Protein backbone atom coordinates (compact mmCIF):
# COMPACT_ATOMS: atom_id res chain seq x y z
CA MET A 1 -16.39 -20.24 9.75
CA ASP A 2 -17.96 -18.01 13.09
CA HIS A 3 -19.79 -15.00 11.87
CA SER A 4 -22.20 -12.26 12.87
CA LEU A 5 -24.92 -9.97 11.28
CA VAL A 6 -23.71 -6.12 11.89
CA CYS A 7 -25.77 -3.10 10.60
CA GLN A 8 -24.27 -0.96 8.42
CA ARG A 9 -26.54 2.05 9.81
CA CYS A 10 -26.76 1.64 13.65
CA GLY A 11 -23.77 -0.80 14.52
CA ALA A 12 -25.93 -3.49 16.50
CA HIS A 13 -24.71 -6.87 16.33
CA HIS A 14 -27.09 -9.28 15.61
CA ASP A 15 -26.76 -13.81 15.59
CA PRO A 16 -26.79 -15.52 12.25
CA GLY A 17 -30.31 -16.02 11.08
CA SER A 18 -33.03 -15.01 8.32
CA TYR A 19 -33.96 -11.32 8.80
CA PRO A 20 -35.84 -10.79 5.02
CA ARG A 21 -36.00 -7.37 6.69
CA GLY A 22 -32.72 -6.13 7.77
CA CYS A 23 -31.96 -5.01 11.03
CA PRO A 24 -34.58 -5.96 13.61
CA ASN A 25 -33.46 -2.55 15.82
CA CYS A 26 -33.72 -0.48 13.14
CA ARG A 27 -36.65 -1.77 11.86
CA THR A 28 -38.43 -1.03 15.46
CA ALA A 29 -37.70 2.38 14.61
CA GLY A 30 -39.24 2.86 12.06
CA GLU A 31 -35.87 2.98 9.76
CA ASP A 32 -34.55 0.25 6.50
CA GLY A 33 -30.70 -1.29 8.25
CA ARG A 34 -28.83 -3.22 6.16
CA LEU A 35 -26.61 -6.27 7.73
CA GLU A 36 -23.44 -7.34 6.60
CA VAL A 37 -21.92 -10.60 7.52
CA VAL A 38 -18.49 -10.15 9.46
CA MET A 39 -16.13 -13.37 10.02
CA SER A 40 -14.59 -13.86 13.08
CA ASP A 41 -10.63 -14.41 13.36
CA LEU A 42 -10.04 -13.73 9.48
CA ASP A 43 -6.56 -12.85 9.92
CA GLU A 44 -5.91 -16.11 10.99
CA VAL A 45 -7.03 -18.44 7.80
CA ASP A 46 -4.42 -19.84 5.56
CA PHE A 47 -5.46 -18.98 2.40
CA PRO A 48 -3.27 -21.43 0.41
CA SER A 49 -4.64 -23.88 2.76
CA VAL A 50 -8.29 -24.16 0.74
CA ASP A 51 -9.40 -27.31 -0.54
CA HIS A 52 -7.87 -27.94 -4.30
CA SER A 53 -9.25 -31.06 -4.59
CA ASP A 54 -12.79 -29.31 -4.45
CA ARG A 55 -13.79 -27.25 -8.06
CA SER A 56 -16.21 -25.54 -7.18
CA MET A 57 -16.92 -22.19 -4.99
CA TRP A 58 -17.09 -24.21 -1.74
CA ARG A 59 -13.08 -24.78 -1.61
CA TYR A 60 -13.38 -21.60 0.02
CA ARG A 61 -15.94 -23.15 2.87
CA GLU A 62 -13.55 -21.99 5.84
CA LEU A 63 -13.98 -18.29 4.62
CA LEU A 64 -18.26 -18.52 3.70
CA PRO A 65 -20.52 -18.55 6.33
CA LEU A 66 -22.16 -21.58 6.07
CA LEU A 67 -24.89 -22.42 8.85
CA GLY A 68 -25.93 -25.94 7.95
CA ASP A 69 -23.20 -28.85 7.81
CA GLU A 70 -23.48 -29.14 4.08
CA PRO A 71 -24.15 -27.02 1.20
CA ILE A 72 -26.73 -26.82 -1.26
CA THR A 73 -24.51 -27.33 -4.36
CA LEU A 74 -25.11 -28.05 -8.45
CA GLY A 75 -21.29 -27.60 -8.78
CA GLU A 76 -21.27 -23.46 -8.80
CA GLY A 77 -17.77 -21.77 -9.31
CA TRP A 78 -14.51 -22.22 -10.10
CA THR A 79 -15.54 -20.90 -13.84
CA PRO A 80 -12.55 -19.93 -16.55
CA VAL A 81 -10.71 -17.12 -17.14
CA LEU A 82 -10.23 -15.61 -20.83
CA ASP A 83 -7.44 -13.70 -22.38
CA LEU A 84 -9.46 -10.70 -24.31
CA ASP A 85 -8.08 -8.87 -27.03
CA LEU A 86 -9.04 -5.15 -26.98
CA GLY A 87 -5.81 -3.26 -28.45
CA THR A 88 -5.00 -2.30 -24.94
CA PRO A 89 -1.31 -1.30 -23.54
CA CYS A 90 -2.41 -3.83 -20.75
CA PRO A 91 -4.17 -7.32 -20.42
CA VAL A 92 -7.58 -7.68 -20.32
CA HIS A 93 -9.14 -10.64 -18.74
CA LEU A 94 -13.32 -11.68 -18.80
CA LYS A 95 -13.90 -14.19 -15.88
CA ASN A 96 -16.37 -15.91 -17.66
CA GLU A 97 -19.78 -16.76 -15.24
CA THR A 98 -21.81 -18.17 -17.99
CA GLY A 99 -20.02 -21.56 -16.76
CA ASN A 100 -22.04 -21.88 -13.74
CA PRO A 101 -25.41 -24.31 -13.34
CA THR A 102 -28.12 -21.44 -14.50
CA TRP A 103 -25.55 -19.82 -16.84
CA SER A 104 -25.02 -16.86 -14.39
CA TYR A 105 -22.74 -16.03 -11.30
CA LYS A 106 -26.43 -15.66 -9.31
CA ASP A 107 -25.39 -19.33 -8.49
CA ARG A 108 -22.94 -18.32 -6.07
CA LEU A 109 -25.36 -16.11 -4.55
CA ASN A 110 -27.92 -18.81 -4.01
CA ALA A 111 -25.87 -21.93 -3.27
CA LEU A 112 -24.93 -20.28 -0.05
CA LEU A 113 -27.84 -18.56 0.49
CA ILE A 114 -30.59 -21.29 -0.53
CA SER A 115 -28.07 -23.65 2.09
CA ASN A 116 -28.47 -21.23 5.11
CA MET A 117 -32.27 -20.53 4.80
CA THR A 118 -33.45 -24.23 4.40
CA SER A 119 -30.95 -25.20 7.04
CA LEU A 120 -33.14 -22.96 9.39
CA GLY A 121 -36.00 -24.70 8.38
CA HIS A 122 -37.49 -22.42 5.37
CA ALA A 123 -39.45 -24.14 2.60
CA HIS A 124 -41.50 -21.71 0.48
CA PHE A 125 -39.33 -19.15 -1.60
CA VAL A 126 -40.46 -16.08 -3.43
CA THR A 127 -38.50 -13.78 -5.35
CA SER A 128 -38.63 -10.86 -7.99
CA SER A 129 -36.55 -11.17 -11.17
CA THR A 130 -35.45 -10.69 -14.98
CA GLY A 131 -34.54 -13.72 -15.26
CA ASN A 132 -31.26 -14.96 -14.47
CA HIS A 133 -32.18 -14.44 -10.50
CA GLY A 134 -35.21 -16.21 -10.85
CA ALA A 135 -33.77 -19.12 -12.73
CA SER A 136 -31.23 -19.58 -9.78
CA THR A 137 -33.10 -19.56 -6.94
CA ALA A 138 -35.38 -22.04 -8.44
CA ALA A 139 -32.63 -24.48 -9.14
CA TYR A 140 -31.41 -23.79 -5.85
CA ALA A 141 -34.56 -24.43 -4.10
CA THR A 142 -35.36 -27.27 -5.89
CA ARG A 143 -32.00 -29.03 -5.91
CA ALA A 144 -33.09 -28.32 -1.62
CA GLY A 145 -36.21 -29.74 -1.32
CA ALA A 146 -38.26 -26.47 -0.92
CA GLN A 147 -41.88 -27.03 -1.09
CA GLU A 148 -42.32 -24.35 -3.19
CA THR A 149 -40.90 -21.47 -5.12
CA VAL A 150 -42.90 -18.80 -6.59
CA VAL A 151 -40.80 -16.57 -9.22
CA LEU A 152 -42.23 -12.51 -10.16
CA LEU A 153 -40.76 -11.78 -13.61
CA HIS A 154 -40.12 -8.86 -15.22
CA PRO A 155 -42.39 -8.08 -17.98
CA ASP A 156 -40.12 -8.05 -20.43
CA ALA A 157 -38.32 -11.15 -19.52
CA ASP A 158 -37.05 -13.48 -22.32
CA LEU A 159 -38.96 -16.59 -23.29
CA PRO A 160 -35.70 -18.79 -22.51
CA HIS A 161 -35.98 -17.66 -18.81
CA GLN A 162 -39.45 -18.17 -18.80
CA VAL A 163 -38.82 -22.25 -19.75
CA GLN A 164 -35.97 -22.32 -17.80
CA LEU A 165 -37.77 -21.70 -14.58
CA ARG A 166 -40.86 -23.67 -15.22
CA ALA A 167 -38.24 -26.95 -15.89
CA TYR A 168 -37.05 -25.94 -12.76
CA GLY A 169 -40.49 -26.70 -10.91
CA ALA A 170 -41.25 -23.26 -10.36
CA LYS A 171 -44.50 -21.69 -10.29
CA VAL A 172 -44.00 -18.66 -12.39
CA ALA A 173 -46.07 -15.61 -13.26
CA ARG A 174 -44.80 -11.61 -15.23
CA ALA A 175 -45.87 -8.84 -13.87
CA SER A 176 -44.95 -4.76 -14.12
CA ASP A 177 -42.56 -3.56 -11.64
CA SER A 178 -44.64 -1.91 -9.17
CA GLY A 179 -47.19 -5.28 -8.97
CA ARG A 180 -43.95 -7.54 -8.53
CA THR A 181 -42.83 -5.47 -5.51
CA ALA A 182 -46.15 -5.67 -3.96
CA LEU A 183 -47.07 -9.12 -4.46
CA LEU A 184 -43.22 -10.18 -3.16
CA ARG A 185 -44.10 -8.35 0.22
CA SER A 186 -47.53 -9.60 0.69
CA LEU A 187 -46.11 -13.17 0.38
CA VAL A 188 -43.21 -12.11 2.57
CA GLU A 189 -45.52 -11.28 4.89
CA HIS A 190 -47.21 -14.50 4.65
CA GLY A 191 -43.81 -16.15 5.43
CA TRP A 192 -42.30 -16.71 2.54
CA TYR A 193 -38.77 -15.65 2.15
CA PRO A 194 -37.59 -13.69 -0.40
CA SER A 195 -34.02 -13.84 -2.05
CA VAL A 196 -34.47 -10.37 -3.11
CA ASN A 197 -34.75 -7.06 -1.09
CA VAL A 198 -38.06 -5.88 0.00
CA THR A 199 -37.49 -2.69 2.06
CA GLU A 200 -37.87 0.62 0.88
CA THR A 201 -34.41 1.72 1.22
CA TYR A 202 -31.46 -1.19 -0.10
CA THR A 203 -31.12 -3.51 2.69
CA GLY A 204 -30.32 -6.54 0.95
CA ILE A 205 -30.92 -9.88 2.68
CA PRO A 206 -27.93 -11.33 4.29
CA TYR A 207 -25.36 -13.33 2.73
CA THR A 208 -26.37 -12.31 -0.75
CA THR A 209 -22.96 -10.51 -1.14
CA GLU A 210 -21.47 -13.41 0.31
CA GLY A 211 -21.14 -15.94 -2.83
CA TYR A 212 -19.72 -13.35 -4.79
CA LYS A 213 -16.65 -13.34 -2.76
CA THR A 214 -15.79 -16.86 -4.79
CA ILE A 215 -14.87 -14.77 -7.34
CA SER A 216 -11.91 -12.15 -5.96
CA PHE A 217 -10.73 -15.65 -4.44
CA GLU A 218 -10.75 -17.37 -7.82
CA LEU A 219 -9.04 -14.69 -9.43
CA VAL A 220 -6.10 -14.58 -7.01
CA GLU A 221 -6.27 -18.23 -7.93
CA GLN A 222 -6.31 -18.36 -11.57
CA LEU A 223 -4.19 -15.03 -12.59
CA GLU A 224 0.19 -14.64 -12.48
CA THR A 225 -0.65 -11.46 -10.59
CA PRO A 226 -3.81 -10.18 -9.01
CA PRO A 227 -6.34 -7.62 -10.72
CA SER A 228 -5.55 -3.89 -10.49
CA VAL A 229 -9.10 -3.39 -11.88
CA MET A 230 -12.18 -4.87 -11.84
CA ILE A 231 -15.42 -4.35 -13.78
CA CYS A 232 -18.58 -5.18 -12.85
CA ALA A 233 -22.12 -4.18 -13.42
CA ILE A 234 -24.72 -3.09 -11.29
CA GLY A 235 -28.27 -3.78 -10.27
CA ALA A 236 -28.88 -3.97 -7.01
CA GLY A 237 -25.52 -3.51 -6.92
CA ASP A 238 -24.14 -7.10 -4.77
CA GLY A 239 -22.52 -8.34 -6.96
CA LEU A 240 -20.00 -5.51 -7.33
CA TYR A 241 -20.22 -5.13 -3.47
CA GLY A 242 -19.48 -8.90 -3.11
CA VAL A 243 -16.36 -8.88 -5.49
CA TRP A 244 -14.75 -6.05 -3.21
CA LYS A 245 -15.55 -8.02 -0.52
CA GLY A 246 -13.89 -10.51 -1.06
CA PHE A 247 -11.04 -8.65 -2.25
CA ARG A 248 -10.96 -6.79 1.19
CA GLU A 249 -10.96 -9.77 2.99
CA LEU A 250 -8.09 -11.23 1.00
CA ALA A 251 -6.13 -8.04 1.99
CA SER A 252 -7.24 -8.64 5.44
CA MET A 253 -5.15 -12.02 5.48
CA GLY A 254 -2.00 -10.58 3.43
CA VAL A 255 -2.69 -12.49 0.41
CA ILE A 256 -3.29 -9.36 -1.47
CA ASP A 257 -1.62 -6.21 -1.00
CA GLU A 258 -4.58 -4.19 -1.73
CA PRO A 259 -8.08 -4.52 -3.22
CA PRO A 260 -8.09 -3.43 -7.29
CA ARG A 261 -10.09 -0.56 -8.23
CA MET A 262 -13.34 -1.25 -8.84
CA VAL A 263 -15.64 -0.28 -11.84
CA GLY A 264 -18.55 -0.32 -11.64
CA VAL A 265 -21.22 0.04 -15.06
CA GLN A 266 -24.73 0.97 -15.19
CA PRO A 267 -26.73 1.35 -18.98
CA ALA A 268 -26.77 5.11 -20.17
CA GLU A 269 -30.60 5.25 -19.80
CA ARG A 270 -30.95 4.59 -15.91
CA PRO A 271 -26.99 5.66 -14.54
CA SER A 272 -28.45 5.95 -10.35
CA VAL A 273 -25.12 4.88 -9.52
CA VAL A 274 -22.83 6.87 -11.76
CA ARG A 275 -24.96 10.59 -10.74
CA ALA A 276 -25.03 9.66 -6.91
CA PHE A 277 -20.69 9.13 -7.52
CA ASP A 278 -20.19 12.00 -10.37
CA ARG A 279 -22.05 14.57 -7.49
CA ASP A 280 -20.09 12.69 -4.39
CA ALA A 281 -23.76 11.98 -3.11
CA LEU A 282 -24.35 9.20 0.25
CA MET A 283 -27.34 7.65 -1.52
CA VAL A 284 -28.14 6.31 -4.26
CA GLU A 285 -31.76 8.07 -5.88
CA PRO A 286 -34.15 6.16 -8.49
CA THR A 287 -32.84 7.23 -11.82
CA PRO A 288 -35.90 7.10 -13.87
CA GLY A 289 -35.25 6.20 -17.84
CA PRO A 290 -35.99 4.17 -21.26
CA MET A 291 -35.83 0.71 -20.70
CA PRO A 292 -31.95 -0.07 -21.68
CA ILE A 293 -31.10 -2.97 -23.58
CA ALA A 294 -29.60 -4.20 -20.61
CA THR A 295 -32.34 -5.70 -18.87
CA SER A 296 -30.88 -7.42 -16.31
CA THR A 297 -29.06 -3.79 -14.63
CA SER A 298 -32.49 -1.90 -15.25
CA GLY A 299 -33.70 -1.04 -12.05
CA PRO A 300 -34.02 2.82 -11.09
CA SER A 301 -32.32 2.37 -7.95
CA ALA A 302 -29.44 0.66 -6.25
CA GLY A 303 -28.31 0.38 -2.90
CA ASP A 304 -25.87 2.62 -1.64
CA HIS A 305 -23.13 -0.11 -0.51
CA THR A 306 -22.07 0.32 -4.40
CA LEU A 307 -21.07 3.46 -3.53
CA ARG A 308 -18.89 2.22 -0.56
CA ALA A 309 -17.33 -0.06 -2.89
CA LEU A 310 -16.15 2.35 -5.60
CA ARG A 311 -15.26 5.32 -3.31
CA GLU A 312 -12.95 2.81 -0.51
CA SER A 313 -11.22 1.49 -3.83
CA ASP A 314 -10.38 4.66 -5.46
CA GLY A 315 -12.76 3.25 -8.49
CA ILE A 316 -15.22 4.99 -10.92
CA ALA A 317 -18.99 4.78 -12.29
CA LEU A 318 -19.68 4.64 -15.88
CA GLY A 319 -23.05 5.03 -17.70
CA ILE A 320 -22.63 2.78 -21.16
CA GLU A 321 -24.50 3.16 -24.47
CA ARG A 322 -26.43 0.94 -26.10
CA GLU A 323 -23.64 0.92 -29.61
CA ALA A 324 -20.80 0.21 -27.14
CA ILE A 325 -22.90 -2.79 -25.36
CA ARG A 326 -23.49 -4.09 -29.37
CA ASP A 327 -19.56 -3.46 -29.79
CA ALA A 328 -18.55 -5.61 -27.32
CA ILE A 329 -21.11 -8.74 -27.23
CA ILE A 330 -19.45 -8.92 -30.93
CA ALA A 331 -15.53 -8.38 -29.53
CA THR A 332 -16.45 -11.10 -26.94
CA GLY A 333 -18.25 -13.44 -29.42
CA ARG A 334 -14.77 -13.39 -31.24
CA ALA A 335 -13.06 -14.72 -27.97
CA GLY A 336 -15.61 -17.05 -27.95
CA VAL A 337 -17.91 -16.22 -25.50
CA PHE A 338 -21.54 -14.56 -25.55
CA ILE A 339 -22.14 -12.88 -23.35
CA GLU A 340 -25.75 -10.88 -22.46
CA PRO A 341 -26.04 -7.20 -23.13
CA ALA A 342 -25.52 -6.47 -19.10
CA SER A 343 -21.88 -8.16 -19.04
CA ALA A 344 -20.81 -6.80 -22.37
CA MET A 345 -21.17 -3.30 -20.53
CA THR A 346 -18.19 -3.93 -18.67
CA VAL A 347 -16.46 -5.18 -21.51
CA ALA A 348 -17.44 -1.64 -23.54
CA ALA A 349 -16.32 0.38 -20.22
CA VAL A 350 -12.47 -0.87 -21.32
CA GLY A 351 -12.34 1.95 -23.84
CA GLN A 352 -13.86 4.32 -22.06
CA LEU A 353 -11.17 3.78 -19.55
CA LEU A 354 -8.43 4.06 -22.57
CA LYS A 355 -9.97 7.37 -23.17
CA ARG A 356 -10.18 8.46 -20.11
CA ASP A 357 -6.63 7.79 -19.74
CA ASP A 358 -7.05 5.31 -16.37
CA LEU A 359 -5.73 2.18 -17.63
CA THR A 360 -1.42 1.88 -18.14
CA PRO A 361 0.65 -1.06 -19.20
CA ASP A 362 0.97 -2.32 -15.51
CA ASP A 363 -2.68 -2.93 -15.08
CA ARG A 364 -4.15 -5.66 -15.04
CA VAL A 365 -8.06 -5.71 -16.17
CA VAL A 366 -10.87 -7.94 -15.30
CA CYS A 367 -13.90 -7.96 -16.85
CA LEU A 368 -16.84 -9.61 -15.10
CA GLY A 369 -18.95 -11.89 -17.07
CA THR A 370 -21.80 -12.76 -15.26
CA GLY A 371 -24.77 -14.19 -17.50
CA ALA A 372 -24.83 -15.89 -20.68
CA GLY A 373 -26.84 -13.83 -24.09
CA VAL A 374 -28.15 -17.03 -25.34
CA LYS A 375 -30.82 -16.11 -22.29
CA TRP A 376 -31.97 -13.15 -24.15
CA PRO A 377 -32.65 -14.00 -27.46
CA ALA A 378 -35.04 -10.64 -28.11
CA LYS A 379 -32.54 -8.42 -26.69
CA THR A 380 -29.24 -9.72 -28.17
CA GLY A 381 -31.17 -10.20 -31.85
CA ALA A 382 -32.07 -6.55 -31.64
CA LEU A 383 -28.44 -5.73 -31.57
CA ILE A 384 -27.09 -8.26 -33.27
CA GLY A 385 -29.22 -8.57 -36.30
CA GLU A 386 -31.22 -11.10 -38.03
CA VAL A 387 -29.98 -14.33 -39.75
CA PRO A 388 -30.85 -13.92 -43.56
CA SER A 389 -32.61 -16.20 -45.96
CA VAL A 390 -31.05 -17.57 -48.97
CA ASP A 391 -32.27 -19.39 -52.08
CA ASP A 392 -30.87 -22.78 -53.05
CA THR A 393 -28.41 -21.79 -55.03
CA VAL A 394 -24.97 -21.15 -54.33
CA ALA A 395 -25.30 -17.51 -56.60
CA SER A 396 -27.46 -16.81 -53.62
CA LEU A 397 -25.30 -17.63 -50.91
CA VAL A 398 -22.63 -15.61 -52.10
CA ASN A 399 -24.61 -12.54 -52.59
CA THR A 400 -26.03 -12.70 -49.19
CA LEU A 401 -23.08 -13.50 -47.41
CA ASP A 402 -20.70 -11.37 -49.82
CA ILE A 403 -18.14 -14.78 -49.92
CA ASP A 404 -15.96 -16.33 -52.53
CA PRO A 405 -17.12 -19.50 -53.02
CA THR A 406 -13.53 -20.67 -53.84
CA ALA A 407 -11.57 -22.21 -50.59
CA PRO A 408 -9.03 -21.28 -49.82
CA GLU A 409 -5.87 -23.65 -50.04
CA ARG A 410 -5.49 -25.30 -47.19
CA THR A 411 -2.27 -24.70 -45.19
CA THR A 412 -0.41 -27.37 -43.32
CA THR A 413 0.71 -26.95 -39.52
């Protein structure tokens, strides 16, 4: 679909393109301006006419700002929605994004972003990541035939991410937060294209929110009624904003009456958006603190667009404690899904909403499970605990695991 890029600071319209540093007009004036995709003639699109034979996010191709003729795809999207029994008065669901090709929802972002940038001639990509985003960028860049992909990893990145990245052919190094930022900007100055923000004030990269809209599109198709509460973890904020933008576009097309209330969650140790939201601030300021167990959302700040999504949807921002994250990982595991700590914060937030009397029997809640717990063994192991060893005797097994060695009578159905 035809689109333009509109600066959210100065209002300037720009043709589709790369713009790794945001709005050129603002940059000339010494400012940072975030460019957002504005689709043309969106109200003329017939949403039910999606390609139902396509079981990926590209079933919504008509609603996405794809620049080239064909997307770079690994089959991302159309992930399952599962019921969660959390003792709530209303139904609660988990949108299980661990089913994406690299096991996180970052694949929706990179499928569109890498497709667009390679169609514009970019062949060298660089990113800075705690793990999931880097793995996704590397996978799609490799699939697109990029010449080189460099991933600068957070020092606490777990081993599975390191191995995964190298398997995709990326060139990988770990560096400090300040070091990664400096190195990223240096490579961008030399012509590499970044898949993450490089400006002082968060502007993001054009198109990064657009792939996330397909989560909203899928939920409207997959659920009997659209969600009234949508809970998303906040890293930089593109995921939450993209999901909200998808619902906003569905409302403008008349597919739903109104977007759901957006609930943004962050680790209690670094609640930059929570603090800005509670103070009615216009900007998100850095909020340093101890490194949280939810490494994927450990950044000290986030984009101001998160505040817009929360306020315009009559939503809220919540800080989540470590123990609540642990309990949520266990609860979700009992439903058959192993999610990472950042994803578990969305499930933990349900309990907070209940305590605040913010849920009613008429609500329908969706928690966004963004990434797989198996990719963070050190973090999840610290929460869940180690597996004990036993002697080669039944008595040792019984005593260690506190079980009855006699199986109960077999039931028949």
